[in-house]
């Protein structure tokens, strides 16, 4: 799944992910991403690419909702997509449960 509010960014990301053989479901904001995740069959998503700054619900809140879901696949890898790279931004992402590679 790709959660991205900017249509041009979503198109570019979809093309890039598609070139890797991935099929992309696009959610225009965090609320829709949570709804799509909850409506999908468990295990449907290999990963979620989550924009951090979206209207309606940002990526941090959407990630928290997915992580707190009762679904067995609530540990799906979630990758932050953001231009914010300060240590505080990375900590907020990690605290929300966004995937990090150690």
PDB file of N, CA and C in Angstrom:
ATOM      1  N   UNK A   1       0.847  -1.171   0.000  1.00  0.00           N
ATOM      2  CA  UNK A   1       0.000   0.000   0.000  1.00  0.00           C
ATOM      3  C   UNK A   1       0.893   1.235   0.000  1.00  0.00           C
ATOM      4  N   UNK A   2       0.420   2.263  -0.671  1.00  0.00           N
ATOM      5  CA  UNK A   2       1.074   3.556  -0.689  1.00  0.00           C
ATOM      6  C   UNK A   2       0.104   4.579  -0.115  1.00  0.00           C
ATOM      7  N   UNK A   3       0.467   5.201   0.997  1.00  0.00           N
ATOM      8  CA  UNK A   3      -0.332   6.278   1.585  1.00  0.00           C
ATOM      9  C   UNK A   3       0.367   7.594   1.265  1.00  0.00           C
ATOM     10  N   UNK A   4      -0.213   8.360   0.366  1.00  0.00           N
ATOM     11  CA  UNK A   4       0.410   9.586  -0.152  1.00  0.00           C
ATOM     12  C   UNK A   4      -0.673  10.532  -0.623  1.00  0.00           C
ATOM     13  N   UNK A   5      -0.667  11.769  -0.127  1.00  0.00           N
ATOM     14  CA  UNK A   5      -1.722  12.717  -0.481  1.00  0.00           C
ATOM     15  C   UNK A   5      -1.461  13.455  -1.787  1.00  0.00           C
ATOM     16  N   UNK A   6      -0.231  13.511  -2.237  1.00  0.00           N
ATOM     17  CA  UNK A   6       0.100  14.239  -3.454  1.00  0.00           C
ATOM     18  C   UNK A   6       0.003  13.291  -4.649  1.00  0.00           C
ATOM     19  N   UNK A   7      -0.879  13.602  -5.584  1.00  0.00           N
ATOM     20  CA  UNK A   7      -1.142  12.707  -6.721  1.00  0.00           C
ATOM     21  C   UNK A   7       0.101  12.485  -7.581  1.00  0.00           C
ATOM     22  N   UNK A   8       0.889  13.524  -7.801  1.00  0.00           N
ATOM     23  CA  UNK A   8       2.103  13.364  -8.611  1.00  0.00           C
ATOM     24  C   UNK A   8       3.108  12.462  -7.899  1.00  0.00           C
ATOM     25  N   UNK A   9       3.305  12.687  -6.608  1.00  0.00           N
ATOM     26  CA  UNK A   9       4.209  11.824  -5.839  1.00  0.00           C
ATOM     27  C   UNK A   9       3.710  10.377  -5.836  1.00  0.00           C
ATOM     28  N   UNK A  10       2.398  10.211  -5.729  1.00  0.00           N
ATOM     29  CA  UNK A  10       1.819   8.862  -5.743  1.00  0.00           C
ATOM     30  C   UNK A  10       2.060   8.192  -7.091  1.00  0.00           C
ATOM     31  N   UNK A  11       1.930   8.950  -8.158  1.00  0.00           N
ATOM     32  CA  UNK A  11       2.152   8.387  -9.495  1.00  0.00           C
ATOM     33  C   UNK A  11       3.606   7.940  -9.661  1.00  0.00           C
ATOM     34  N   UNK A  12       4.542   8.778  -9.229  1.00  0.00           N
ATOM     35  CA  UNK A  12       5.965   8.440  -9.332  1.00  0.00           C
ATOM     36  C   UNK A  12       6.285   7.211  -8.481  1.00  0.00           C
ATOM     37  N   UNK A  13       5.814   7.205  -7.240  1.00  0.00           N
ATOM     38  CA  UNK A  13       6.077   6.071  -6.346  1.00  0.00           C
ATOM     39  C   UNK A  13       5.450   4.787  -6.886  1.00  0.00           C
ATOM     40  N   UNK A  14       4.252   4.902  -7.437  1.00  0.00           N
ATOM     41  CA  UNK A  14       3.580   3.727  -8.003  1.00  0.00           C
ATOM     42  C   UNK A  14       4.383   3.168  -9.172  1.00  0.00           C
ATOM     43  N   UNK A  15       4.901   4.033 -10.008  1.00  0.00           N
ATOM     44  CA  UNK A  15       5.727   3.583 -11.141  1.00  0.00           C
ATOM     45  C   UNK A  15       7.003   2.902 -10.646  1.00  0.00           C
ATOM     46  N   UNK A  16       7.650   3.505  -9.656  1.00  0.00           N
ATOM     47  CA  UNK A  16       8.884   2.917  -9.129  1.00  0.00           C
ATOM     48  C   UNK A  16       8.625   1.553  -8.485  1.00  0.00           C
ATOM     49  N   UNK A  17       7.600   1.474  -7.655  1.00  0.00           N
ATOM     50  CA  UNK A  17       7.273   0.206  -7.004  1.00  0.00           C
ATOM     51  C   UNK A  17       6.799  -0.832  -8.020  1.00  0.00           C
ATOM     52  N   UNK A  18       6.048  -0.361  -9.006  1.00  0.00           N
ATOM     53  CA  UNK A  18       5.598  -1.263 -10.071  1.00  0.00           C
ATOM     54  C   UNK A  18       6.754  -1.835 -10.867  1.00  0.00           C
ATOM     55  N   UNK A  19       7.811  -1.049 -11.053  1.00  0.00           N
ATOM     56  CA  UNK A  19       8.980  -1.536 -11.790  1.00  0.00           C
ATOM     57  C   UNK A  19       9.692  -2.663 -11.034  1.00  0.00           C
ATOM     58  N   UNK A  20       9.395  -2.784  -9.736  1.00  0.00           N
ATOM     59  CA  UNK A  20       9.936  -3.880  -8.924  1.00  0.00           C
ATOM     60  C   UNK A  20       8.999  -5.083  -8.898  1.00  0.00           C
ATOM     61  N   UNK A  21       7.891  -4.967  -9.620  1.00  0.00           N
ATOM     62  CA  UNK A  21       6.925  -6.055  -9.671  1.00  0.00           C
ATOM     63  C   UNK A  21       5.857  -5.992  -8.600  1.00  0.00           C
ATOM     64  N   UNK A  22       5.790  -4.890  -7.875  1.00  0.00           N
ATOM     65  CA  UNK A  22       4.787  -4.750  -6.820  1.00  0.00           C
ATOM     66  C   UNK A  22       3.508  -4.119  -7.366  1.00  0.00           C
ATOM     67  N   UNK A  23       2.376  -4.598  -6.896  1.00  0.00           N
ATOM     68  CA  UNK A  23       1.080  -4.001  -7.216  1.00  0.00           C
ATOM     69  C   UNK A  23       0.773  -3.030  -6.085  1.00  0.00           C
ATOM     70  N   UNK A  24       0.402  -1.808  -6.425  1.00  0.00           N
ATOM     71  CA  UNK A  24       0.240  -0.755  -5.423  1.00  0.00           C
ATOM     72  C   UNK A  24      -1.227  -0.375  -5.259  1.00  0.00           C
ATOM     73  N   UNK A  25      -1.694  -0.405  -4.010  1.00  0.00           N
ATOM     74  CA  UNK A  25      -2.985   0.181  -3.642  1.00  0.00           C
ATOM     75  C   UNK A  25      -2.682   1.555  -3.082  1.00  0.00           C
ATOM     76  N   UNK A  26      -3.333   2.581  -3.639  1.00  0.00           N
ATOM     77  CA  UNK A  26      -3.068   3.960  -3.225  1.00  0.00           C
ATOM     78  C   UNK A  26      -4.151   4.434  -2.269  1.00  0.00           C
ATOM     79  N   UNK A  27      -3.718   5.015  -1.154  1.00  0.00           N
ATOM     80  CA  UNK A  27      -4.617   5.668  -0.203  1.00  0.00           C
ATOM     81  C   UNK A  27      -4.226   7.142  -0.161  1.00  0.00           C
ATOM     82  N   UNK A  28      -5.209   8.030  -0.326  1.00  0.00           N
ATOM     83  CA  UNK A  28      -4.933   9.465  -0.449  1.00  0.00           C
ATOM     84  C   UNK A  28      -4.633  10.158   0.877  1.00  0.00           C
ATOM     85  N   UNK A  29      -4.850   9.493   1.997  1.00  0.00           N
ATOM     86  CA  UNK A  29      -4.511  10.066   3.297  1.00  0.00           C
ATOM     87  C   UNK A  29      -4.433   8.941   4.318  1.00  0.00           C
ATOM     88  N   UNK A  30      -4.004   9.278   5.513  1.00  0.00           N
ATOM     89  CA  UNK A  30      -3.817   8.262   6.538  1.00  0.00           C
ATOM     90  C   UNK A  30      -5.097   7.563   6.953  1.00  0.00           C
ATOM     91  N   UNK A  31      -6.188   8.296   6.989  1.00  0.00           N
ATOM     92  CA  UNK A  31      -7.474   7.704   7.362  1.00  0.00           C
ATOM     93  C   UNK A  31      -7.882   6.637   6.353  1.00  0.00           C
ATOM     94  N   UNK A  32      -7.716   6.950   5.070  1.00  0.00           N
ATOM     95  CA  UNK A  32      -8.048   5.970   4.038  1.00  0.00           C
ATOM     96  C   UNK A  32      -7.099   4.775   4.084  1.00  0.00           C
ATOM     97  N   UNK A  33      -5.845   5.015   4.433  1.00  0.00           N
ATOM     98  CA  UNK A  33      -4.890   3.913   4.554  1.00  0.00           C
ATOM     99  C   UNK A  33      -5.328   2.955   5.657  1.00  0.00           C
ATOM    100  N   UNK A  34      -5.740   3.502   6.793  1.00  0.00           N
ATOM    101  CA  UNK A  34      -6.215   2.654   7.889  1.00  0.00           C
ATOM    102  C   UNK A  34      -7.461   1.887   7.449  1.00  0.00           C
ATOM    103  N   UNK A  35      -8.384   2.584   6.801  1.00  0.00           N
ATOM    104  CA  UNK A  35      -9.608   1.925   6.330  1.00  0.00           C
ATOM    105  C   UNK A  35      -9.294   0.812   5.334  1.00  0.00           C
ATOM    106  N   UNK A  36      -8.380   1.072   4.391  1.00  0.00           N
ATOM    107  CA  UNK A  36      -8.022   0.059   3.398  1.00  0.00           C
ATOM    108  C   UNK A  36      -7.345  -1.132   4.062  1.00  0.00           C
ATOM    109  N   UNK A  37      -6.476  -0.862   5.027  1.00  0.00           N
ATOM    110  CA  UNK A  37      -5.822  -1.948   5.745  1.00  0.00           C
ATOM    111  C   UNK A  37      -6.853  -2.801   6.469  1.00  0.00           C
ATOM    112  N   UNK A  38      -7.767  -2.162   7.187  1.00  0.00           N
ATOM    113  CA  UNK A  38      -8.784  -2.887   7.950  1.00  0.00           C
ATOM    114  C   UNK A  38      -9.735  -3.671   7.049  1.00  0.00           C
ATOM    115  N   UNK A  39      -9.977  -3.174   5.835  1.00  0.00           N
ATOM    116  CA  UNK A  39     -10.900  -3.836   4.914  1.00  0.00           C
ATOM    117  C   UNK A  39     -10.238  -4.961   4.113  1.00  0.00           C
ATOM    118  N   UNK A  40      -8.917  -5.012   4.126  1.00  0.00           N
ATOM    119  CA  UNK A  40      -8.209  -6.022   3.336  1.00  0.00           C
ATOM    120  C   UNK A  40      -8.164  -7.357   4.068  1.00  0.00           C
ATOM    121  N   UNK A  41      -7.903  -8.413   3.307  1.00  0.00           N
ATOM    122  CA  UNK A  41      -7.696  -9.718   3.910  1.00  0.00           C
ATOM    123  C   UNK A  41      -6.365  -9.712   4.654  1.00  0.00           C
ATOM    124  N   UNK A  42      -6.270 -10.382   5.799  1.00  0.00           N
ATOM    125  CA  UNK A  42      -4.988 -10.456   6.517  1.00  0.00           C
ATOM    126  C   UNK A  42      -3.880 -10.973   5.600  1.00  0.00           C
ATOM    127  N   UNK A  43      -2.743 -10.312   5.677  1.00  0.00           N
ATOM    128  CA  UNK A  43      -1.598 -10.703   4.859  1.00  0.00           C
ATOM    129  C   UNK A  43      -1.610 -10.150   3.449  1.00  0.00           C
ATOM    130  N   UNK A  44      -2.587  -9.304   3.131  1.00  0.00           N
ATOM    131  CA  UNK A  44      -2.687  -8.748   1.777  1.00  0.00           C
ATOM    132  C   UNK A  44      -1.519  -7.845   1.409  1.00  0.00           C
ATOM    133  N   UNK A  45      -0.980  -7.161   2.395  1.00  0.00           N
ATOM    134  CA  UNK A  45       0.062  -6.174   2.117  1.00  0.00           C
ATOM    135  C   UNK A  45       1.434  -6.669   2.539  1.00  0.00           C
ATOM    136  N   UNK A  46       2.363  -6.604   1.598  1.00  0.00           N
ATOM    137  CA  UNK A  46       3.764  -6.940   1.833  1.00  0.00           C
ATOM    138  C   UNK A  46       4.401  -5.852   2.695  1.00  0.00           C
ATOM    139  N   UNK A  47       3.997  -4.594   2.441  1.00  0.00           N
ATOM    140  CA  UNK A  47       4.541  -3.439   3.154  1.00  0.00           C
ATOM    141  C   UNK A  47       3.613  -2.255   2.917  1.00  0.00           C
ATOM    142  N   UNK A  48       3.777  -1.244   3.770  1.00  0.00           N
ATOM    143  CA  UNK A  48       3.058   0.014   3.605  1.00  0.00           C
ATOM    144  C   UNK A  48       4.100   1.123   3.532  1.00  0.00           C
ATOM    145  N   UNK A  49       3.995   1.928   2.488  1.00  0.00           N
ATOM    146  CA  UNK A  49       4.859   3.092   2.324  1.00  0.00           C
ATOM    147  C   UNK A  49       4.016   4.300   2.725  1.00  0.00           C
ATOM    148  N   UNK A  50       4.390   4.938   3.841  1.00  0.00           N
ATOM    149  CA  UNK A  50       3.534   5.911   4.510  1.00  0.00           C
ATOM    150  C   UNK A  50       4.144   7.316   4.480  1.00  0.00           C
ATOM    151  N   UNK A  51       3.463   8.233   3.789  1.00  0.00           N
ATOM    152  CA  UNK A  51       3.836   9.636   3.843  1.00  0.00           C
ATOM    153  C   UNK A  51       3.578  10.123   5.274  1.00  0.00           C
ATOM    154  N   UNK A  52       4.447  10.926   5.811  1.00  0.00           N
ATOM    155  CA  UNK A  52       4.296  11.374   7.188  1.00  0.00           C
ATOM    156  C   UNK A  52       3.409  12.613   7.312  1.00  0.00           C
ATOM    157  N   UNK A  53       3.320  13.416   6.268  1.00  0.00           N
ATOM    158  CA  UNK A  53       2.541  14.649   6.336  1.00  0.00           C
ATOM    159  C   UNK A  53       1.393  14.601   5.336  1.00  0.00           C
ATOM    160  N   UNK A  54       0.213  14.225   5.849  1.00  0.00           N
ATOM    161  CA  UNK A  54      -0.976  14.150   5.004  1.00  0.00           C
ATOM    162  C   UNK A  54      -2.135  14.827   5.719  1.00  0.00           C
ATOM    163  N   UNK A  55      -3.108  15.306   4.948  1.00  0.00           N
ATOM    164  CA  UNK A  55      -4.312  15.860   5.577  1.00  0.00           C
ATOM    165  C   UNK A  55      -5.192  14.738   6.135  1.00  0.00           C
ATOM    166  N   UNK A  56      -6.164  15.088   6.890  1.00  0.00           N
ATOM    167  CA  UNK A  56      -7.145  14.191   7.509  1.00  0.00           C
ATOM    168  C   UNK A  56      -6.498  13.407   8.649  1.00  0.00           C
ATOM    169  N   UNK A  57      -5.484  12.585   8.338  1.00  0.00           N
ATOM    170  CA  UNK A  57      -4.732  11.839   9.350  1.00  0.00           C
ATOM    171  C   UNK A  57      -3.303  11.691   8.845  1.00  0.00           C
ATOM    172  N   UNK A  58      -2.332  12.116   9.655  1.00  0.00           N
ATOM    173  CA  UNK A  58      -0.940  12.019   9.207  1.00  0.00           C
ATOM    174  C   UNK A  58      -0.419  10.593   9.337  1.00  0.00           C
ATOM    175  N   UNK A  59       0.776  10.371   8.825  1.00  0.00           N
ATOM    176  CA  UNK A  59       1.351   9.036   8.808  1.00  0.00           C
ATOM    177  C   UNK A  59       1.650   8.468  10.185  1.00  0.00           C
ATOM    178  N   UNK A  60       1.987   9.317  11.124  1.00  0.00           N
ATOM    179  CA  UNK A  60       2.265   8.847  12.491  1.00  0.00           C
ATOM    180  C   UNK A  60       0.989   8.276  13.100  1.00  0.00           C
ATOM    181  N   UNK A  61      -0.100   9.016  13.021  1.00  0.00           N
ATOM    182  CA  UNK A  61      -1.370   8.556  13.606  1.00  0.00           C
ATOM    183  C   UNK A  61      -1.880   7.307  12.889  1.00  0.00           C
ATOM    184  N   UNK A  62      -1.757   7.290  11.556  1.00  0.00           N
ATOM    185  CA  UNK A  62      -2.200   6.116  10.796  1.00  0.00           C
ATOM    186  C   UNK A  62      -1.386   4.883  11.186  1.00  0.00           C
ATOM    187  N   UNK A  63      -0.099   5.054  11.351  1.00  0.00           N
ATOM    188  CA  UNK A  63       0.756   3.939  11.763  1.00  0.00           C
ATOM    189  C   UNK A  63       0.346   3.420  13.134  1.00  0.00           C
ATOM    190  N   UNK A  64       0.098   4.333  14.063  1.00  0.00           N
ATOM    191  CA  UNK A  64      -0.322   3.924  15.409  1.00  0.00           C
ATOM    192  C   UNK A  64      -1.617   3.119  15.353  1.00  0.00           C
ATOM    193  N   UNK A  65      -2.554   3.554  14.527  1.00  0.00           N
ATOM    194  CA  UNK A  65      -3.834   2.836  14.413  1.00  0.00           C
ATOM    195  C   UNK A  65      -3.629   1.443  13.821  1.00  0.00           C
ATOM    196  N   UNK A  66      -2.774   1.336  12.830  1.00  0.00           N
ATOM    197  CA  UNK A  66      -2.494   0.030  12.232  1.00  0.00           C
ATOM    198  C   UNK A  66      -1.791  -0.864  13.253  1.00  0.00           C
ATOM    199  N   UNK A  67      -0.814  -0.325  13.953  1.00  0.00           N
ATOM    200  CA  UNK A  67      -0.083  -1.112  14.951  1.00  0.00           C
ATOM    201  C   UNK A  67      -0.985  -1.567  16.104  1.00  0.00           C
ATOM    202  N   UNK A  68      -1.976  -0.754  16.447  1.00  0.00           N
ATOM    203  CA  UNK A  68      -2.884  -1.084  17.548  1.00  0.00           C
ATOM    204  C   UNK A  68      -4.079  -1.914  17.110  1.00  0.00           C
ATOM    205  N   UNK A  69      -4.125  -2.257  15.841  1.00  0.00           N
ATOM    206  CA  UNK A  69      -5.207  -3.081  15.323  1.00  0.00           C
ATOM    207  C   UNK A  69      -5.147  -4.469  15.957  1.00  0.00           C
ATOM    208  N   UNK A  70      -6.298  -5.113  16.045  1.00  0.00           N
ATOM    209  CA  UNK A  70      -6.347  -6.471  16.594  1.00  0.00           C
ATOM    210  C   UNK A  70      -5.964  -7.520  15.547  1.00  0.00           C
ATOM    211  N   UNK A  71      -5.711  -7.080  14.346  1.00  0.00           N
ATOM    212  CA  UNK A  71      -5.369  -8.018  13.277  1.00  0.00           C
ATOM    213  C   UNK A  71      -4.018  -8.668  13.522  1.00  0.00           C
ATOM    214  N   UNK A  72      -3.884  -9.911  13.063  1.00  0.00           N
ATOM    215  CA  UNK A  72      -2.635 -10.645  13.236  1.00  0.00           C
ATOM    216  C   UNK A  72      -1.504 -10.074  12.399  1.00  0.00           C
ATOM    217  N   UNK A  73      -1.829  -9.323  11.344  1.00  0.00           N
ATOM    218  CA  UNK A  73      -0.801  -8.748  10.475  1.00  0.00           C
ATOM    219  C   UNK A  73      -0.536  -7.275  10.772  1.00  0.00           C
ATOM    220  N   UNK A  74      -0.818  -6.842  12.005  1.00  0.00           N
ATOM    221  CA  UNK A  74      -0.591  -5.439  12.360  1.00  0.00           C
ATOM    222  C   UNK A  74       0.901  -5.097  12.457  1.00  0.00           C
ATOM    223  N   UNK A  75       1.755  -6.094  12.266  1.00  0.00           N
ATOM    224  CA  UNK A  75       3.198  -5.861  12.277  1.00  0.00           C
ATOM    225  C   UNK A  75       3.775  -5.730  10.863  1.00  0.00           C
ATOM    226  N   UNK A  76       2.902  -5.525   9.879  1.00  0.00           N
ATOM    227  CA  UNK A  76       3.352  -5.327   8.504  1.00  0.00           C
ATOM    228  C   UNK A  76       4.426  -4.225   8.481  1.00  0.00           C
ATOM    229  N   UNK A  77       5.512  -4.410   7.716  1.00  0.00           N
ATOM    230  CA  UNK A  77       6.521  -3.348   7.650  1.00  0.00           C
ATOM    231  C   UNK A  77       5.916  -2.046   7.124  1.00  0.00           C
ATOM    232  N   UNK A  78       6.175  -0.957   7.823  1.00  0.00           N
ATOM    233  CA  UNK A  78       5.731   0.369   7.404  1.00  0.00           C
ATOM    234  C   UNK A  78       6.978   1.233   7.250  1.00  0.00           C
ATOM    235  N   UNK A  79       7.127   1.785   6.064  1.00  0.00           N
ATOM    236  CA  UNK A  79       8.278   2.618   5.750  1.00  0.00           C
ATOM    237  C   UNK A  79       7.846   4.077   5.674  1.00  0.00           C
ATOM    238  N   UNK A  80       8.528   4.937   6.403  1.00  0.00           N
ATOM    239  CA  UNK A  80       8.223   6.367   6.400  1.00  0.00           C
ATOM    240  C   UNK A  80       8.730   7.005   5.114  1.00  0.00           C
ATOM    241  N   UNK A  81       7.890   7.847   4.542  1.00  0.00           N
ATOM    242  CA  UNK A  81       8.294   8.658   3.398  1.00  0.00           C
ATOM    243  C   UNK A  81       8.180  10.113   3.846  1.00  0.00           C
ATOM    244  N   UNK A  82       9.334  10.749   4.014  1.00  0.00           N
ATOM    245  CA  UNK A  82       9.337  12.117   4.509  1.00  0.00           C
ATOM    246  C   UNK A  82      10.644  12.803   4.161  1.00  0.00           C
ATOM    247  N   UNK A  83      10.583  14.113   4.080  1.00  0.00           N
ATOM    248  CA  UNK A  83      11.792  14.906   3.903  1.00  0.00           C
ATOM    249  C   UNK A  83      12.355  15.320   5.264  1.00  0.00           C
ATOM    250  N   UNK A  84      11.611  15.056   6.328  1.00  0.00           N
ATOM    251  CA  UNK A  84      12.043  15.425   7.675  1.00  0.00           C
ATOM    252  C   UNK A  84      12.983  14.354   8.210  1.00  0.00           C
ATOM    253  N   UNK A  85      14.240  14.728   8.405  1.00  0.00           N
ATOM    254  CA  UNK A  85      15.228  13.738   8.820  1.00  0.00           C
ATOM    255  C   UNK A  85      15.926  14.098  10.128  1.00  0.00           C
ATOM    256  N   UNK A  86      15.332  14.997  10.896  1.00  0.00           N
ATOM    257  CA  UNK A  86      15.915  15.325  12.185  1.00  0.00           C
ATOM    258  C   UNK A  86      15.768  14.133  13.129  1.00  0.00           C
ATOM    259  N   UNK A  87      16.607  14.073  14.123  1.00  0.00           N
ATOM    260  CA  UNK A  87      16.558  12.971  15.092  1.00  0.00           C
ATOM    261  C   UNK A  87      15.181  12.883  15.752  1.00  0.00           C
ATOM    262  N   UNK A  88      14.561  14.026  16.017  1.00  0.00           N
ATOM    263  CA  UNK A  88      13.230  14.005  16.642  1.00  0.00           C
ATOM    264  C   UNK A  88      12.198  13.399  15.709  1.00  0.00           C
ATOM    265  N   UNK A  89      12.324  13.646  14.414  1.00  0.00           N
ATOM    266  CA  UNK A  89      11.408  13.057  13.434  1.00  0.00           C
ATOM    267  C   UNK A  89      11.602  11.548  13.369  1.00  0.00           C
ATOM    268  N   UNK A  90      12.850  11.108  13.363  1.00  0.00           N
ATOM    269  CA  UNK A  90      13.125   9.667  13.334  1.00  0.00           C
ATOM    270  C   UNK A  90      12.596   8.994  14.596  1.00  0.00           C
ATOM    271  N   UNK A  91      12.726   9.659  15.735  1.00  0.00           N
ATOM    272  CA  UNK A  91      12.224   9.093  16.991  1.00  0.00           C
ATOM    273  C   UNK A  91      10.701   8.977  16.965  1.00  0.00           C
ATOM    274  N   UNK A  92      10.016  10.013  16.478  1.00  0.00           N
ATOM    275  CA  UNK A  92       8.551   9.961  16.379  1.00  0.00           C
ATOM    276  C   UNK A  92       8.121   8.789  15.507  1.00  0.00           C
ATOM    277  N   UNK A  93       8.811   8.578  14.397  1.00  0.00           N
ATOM    278  CA  UNK A  93       8.493   7.463  13.510  1.00  0.00           C
ATOM    279  C   UNK A  93       8.727   6.135  14.226  1.00  0.00           C
ATOM    280  N   UNK A  94       9.868   5.999  14.873  1.00  0.00           N
ATOM    281  CA  UNK A  94      10.183   4.745  15.568  1.00  0.00           C
ATOM    282  C   UNK A  94       9.197   4.486  16.702  1.00  0.00           C
ATOM    283  N   UNK A  95       8.849   5.538  17.442  1.00  0.00           N
ATOM    284  CA  UNK A  95       7.907   5.388  18.551  1.00  0.00           C
ATOM    285  C   UNK A  95       6.517   4.955  18.075  1.00  0.00           C
ATOM    286  N   UNK A  96       6.169   5.351  16.847  1.00  0.00           N
ATOM    287  CA  UNK A  96       4.868   4.986  16.284  1.00  0.00           C
ATOM    288  C   UNK A  96       4.847   3.550  15.768  1.00  0.00           C
ATOM    289  N   UNK A  97       6.030   2.971  15.573  1.00  0.00           N
ATOM    290  CA  UNK A  97       6.093   1.591  15.087  1.00  0.00           C
ATOM    291  C   UNK A  97       6.462   1.460  13.631  1.00  0.00           C
ATOM    292  N   UNK A  98       7.053   2.517  13.084  1.00  0.00           N
ATOM    293  CA  UNK A  98       7.481   2.457  11.689  1.00  0.00           C
ATOM    294  C   UNK A  98       8.750   1.632  11.602  1.00  0.00           C
ATOM    295  N   UNK A  99       8.822   0.790  10.595  1.00  0.00           N
ATOM    296  CA  UNK A  99       9.935  -0.128  10.401  1.00  0.00           C
ATOM    297  C   UNK A  99      11.257   0.598  10.379  1.00  0.00           C
ATOM    298  N   UNK A 100      12.224   0.046  11.056  1.00  0.00           N
ATOM    299  CA  UNK A 100      13.570   0.567  10.964  1.00  0.00           C
ATOM    300  C   UNK A 100      14.519  -0.614  10.841  1.00  0.00           C
ATOM    301  N   UNK A 101      15.511  -0.406  10.061  1.00  0.00           N
ATOM    302  CA  UNK A 101      16.523  -1.429   9.859  1.00  0.00           C
ATOM    303  C   UNK A 101      17.714  -1.075  10.750  1.00  0.00           C
ATOM    304  N   UNK A 102      18.065  -1.956  11.644  1.00  0.00           N
ATOM    305  CA  UNK A 102      19.171  -1.668  12.572  1.00  0.00           C
ATOM    306  C   UNK A 102      20.495  -2.161  12.020  1.00  0.00           C
TER     307      UNK A 102
END
